[in-house]
Amino acid sequence: MNDKISELLIGIKNASLVGKTHAFVPASKLKKQVLLVLKKLNYIDDFEEVGEGVKKQFKIAIAYNSKGAPRFSDVKRVSKLSKRVYVGYRNIMPVKYGHGNMILSTPEGLMTEAEARDKKIGGEVLFIIW
């Protein structure tokens, strides 16, 4: 698969839908940055890198709420390999009336829509999660 972010997000989503405690996805630097943002937003509990060489993988501990449901219900990839979507900080709107998050790739790194609005930075919309 060429789209590393989609591979990561769908791997986490599918594992959480069947009730698994961990998901395994191939490791990369970009995926690590995305996982750091997801951990900060409490969509995942933790992650660690396992394996050596080209067989490195991330072992991702999936977060569930007190009722046993995954902490996020869905994820939508906005910017794709075939079509990039960019947004200026003035045009960044809340996701799902504030109940979701938009993850942006900005010149200062990956961040949520709220952080980008506060820092007055636009960028590429990677995905939205709620």
Protein backbone atom coordinates (compact mmCIF):
# COMPACT_ATOMS: atom_id res chain seq x y z
CA MET A 1 0.00 0.00 0.00
CA ASN A 2 1.36 3.43 -0.91
CA ASP A 3 -0.70 5.56 1.47
CA LYS A 4 0.98 5.06 4.84
CA ILE A 5 -1.47 7.19 6.83
CA SER A 6 -4.53 5.34 5.52
CA GLU A 7 -2.84 2.03 6.29
CA LEU A 8 -2.25 3.16 9.88
CA LEU A 9 -5.74 4.57 10.46
CA ILE A 10 -7.61 1.63 8.94
CA GLY A 11 -5.41 -0.82 10.87
CA ILE A 12 -6.33 0.85 14.17
CA LYS A 13 -10.01 1.18 13.22
CA ASN A 14 -10.37 -2.46 12.14
CA ALA A 15 -8.64 -3.78 15.27
CA SER A 16 -10.85 -1.65 17.51
CA LEU A 17 -14.06 -2.74 15.75
CA VAL A 18 -13.36 -6.42 16.48
CA GLY A 19 -12.39 -5.65 20.10
CA LYS A 20 -8.65 -6.31 19.96
CA THR A 21 -6.43 -4.69 22.56
CA HIS A 22 -3.52 -4.07 20.18
CA ALA A 23 -3.00 -3.31 16.50
CA PHE A 24 0.22 -3.93 14.57
CA VAL A 25 1.23 -1.73 11.62
CA PRO A 26 4.56 -1.35 9.79
CA ALA A 27 6.72 1.43 11.26
CA SER A 28 7.70 4.72 9.60
CA LYS A 29 8.63 8.22 10.77
CA LEU A 30 5.39 9.73 9.49
CA LYS A 31 3.28 7.11 11.26
CA LYS A 32 5.16 7.83 14.48
CA GLN A 33 4.24 11.52 14.26
CA VAL A 34 0.59 10.65 13.62
CA LEU A 35 0.59 8.24 16.57
CA LEU A 36 2.03 10.93 18.85
CA VAL A 37 -0.86 13.24 17.92
CA LEU A 38 -3.44 10.46 18.41
CA LYS A 39 -1.95 9.64 21.82
CA LYS A 40 -2.07 13.31 22.83
CA LEU A 41 -5.77 13.38 21.87
CA ASN A 42 -6.43 10.11 23.82
CA TYR A 43 -7.59 8.14 20.77
CA ILE A 44 -4.94 5.50 21.57
CA ASP A 45 -3.46 4.54 24.93
CA ASP A 46 0.17 4.02 23.92
CA PHE A 47 2.42 2.61 21.22
CA GLU A 48 5.85 1.06 20.99
CA GLU A 49 8.20 0.04 18.22
CA VAL A 50 8.92 -3.70 18.03
CA GLY A 51 11.13 -5.72 15.71
CA GLU A 52 14.39 -4.92 13.97
CA GLY A 53 15.49 -3.68 10.58
CA VAL A 54 12.90 -3.65 7.84
CA LYS A 55 10.48 -5.69 9.98
CA LYS A 56 9.90 -2.89 12.51
CA GLN A 57 6.29 -2.50 13.53
CA PHE A 58 4.31 -0.33 15.88
CA LYS A 59 2.36 -2.16 18.57
CA ILE A 60 -0.54 0.19 19.28
CA ALA A 61 -2.63 -0.13 22.46
CA ILE A 62 -6.17 0.78 21.47
CA ALA A 63 -8.12 3.01 23.85
CA TYR A 64 -11.66 2.09 24.92
CA ASN A 65 -14.11 4.09 27.02
CA SER A 66 -15.75 2.82 30.23
CA LYS A 67 -18.56 1.13 28.24
CA GLY A 68 -16.08 -0.87 26.17
CA ALA A 69 -16.51 1.08 22.95
CA PRO A 70 -13.49 2.47 21.07
CA ARG A 71 -12.72 6.11 21.87
CA PHE A 72 -13.21 7.09 18.24
CA SER A 73 -16.12 6.03 16.10
CA ASP A 74 -14.78 6.81 12.64
CA VAL A 75 -11.98 8.38 10.65
CA LYS A 76 -12.00 9.99 7.21
CA ARG A 77 -8.92 10.53 5.07
CA VAL A 78 -9.21 13.99 3.47
CA SER A 79 -5.94 14.54 1.59
CA LYS A 80 -5.10 11.60 -0.63
CA LEU A 81 -2.22 10.75 -2.91
CA SER A 82 -4.28 11.77 -5.95
CA LYS A 83 -5.79 14.94 -4.45
CA ARG A 84 -4.17 17.14 -1.84
CA VAL A 85 -6.39 19.40 0.25
CA TYR A 86 -4.91 22.55 1.78
CA VAL A 87 -6.57 25.00 4.13
CA GLY A 88 -5.61 28.42 5.49
CA TYR A 89 -5.97 29.10 9.20
CA ARG A 90 -8.94 31.41 8.56
CA ASN A 91 -10.86 28.58 6.90
CA ILE A 92 -10.29 25.92 9.58
CA MET A 93 -13.65 24.90 11.03
CA PRO A 94 -14.42 22.63 14.02
CA VAL A 95 -15.12 18.98 13.21
CA LYS A 96 -18.49 17.50 14.20
CA TYR A 97 -19.42 20.61 16.22
CA GLY A 98 -16.26 20.28 18.32
CA HIS A 99 -16.60 16.54 19.00
CA GLY A 100 -13.92 15.53 16.49
CA ASN A 101 -10.45 16.61 15.43
CA MET A 102 -8.81 17.56 12.17
CA ILE A 103 -5.12 16.67 11.84
CA LEU A 104 -3.05 19.02 9.70
CA SER A 105 0.47 18.83 8.32
CA THR A 106 1.93 22.31 8.77
CA PRO A 107 5.41 23.83 8.44
CA GLU A 108 5.72 23.39 12.21
CA GLY A 109 4.76 19.69 12.16
CA LEU A 110 1.56 17.73 12.64
CA MET A 111 -1.08 19.39 14.81
CA THR A 112 -4.81 19.58 15.44
CA GLU A 113 -7.08 22.23 13.97
CA ALA A 114 -7.29 24.04 17.31
CA GLU A 115 -3.50 24.33 17.61
CA ALA A 116 -3.21 25.50 14.00
CA ARG A 117 -5.90 28.14 14.55
CA ASP A 118 -4.17 29.39 17.71
CA LYS A 119 -0.77 29.60 15.96
CA LYS A 120 -2.38 31.06 12.81
CA ILE A 121 -0.90 28.37 10.56
CA GLY A 122 -2.55 26.61 7.65
CA GLY A 123 -1.50 23.40 5.99
CA GLU A 124 -2.51 20.13 4.39
CA VAL A 125 -5.56 18.43 5.92
CA LEU A 126 -4.49 14.82 6.48
CA PHE A 127 -7.61 13.35 8.10
CA ILE A 128 -10.50 13.98 10.45
CA ILE A 129 -11.29 11.71 13.38
CA TRP A 130 -14.29 11.59 15.70
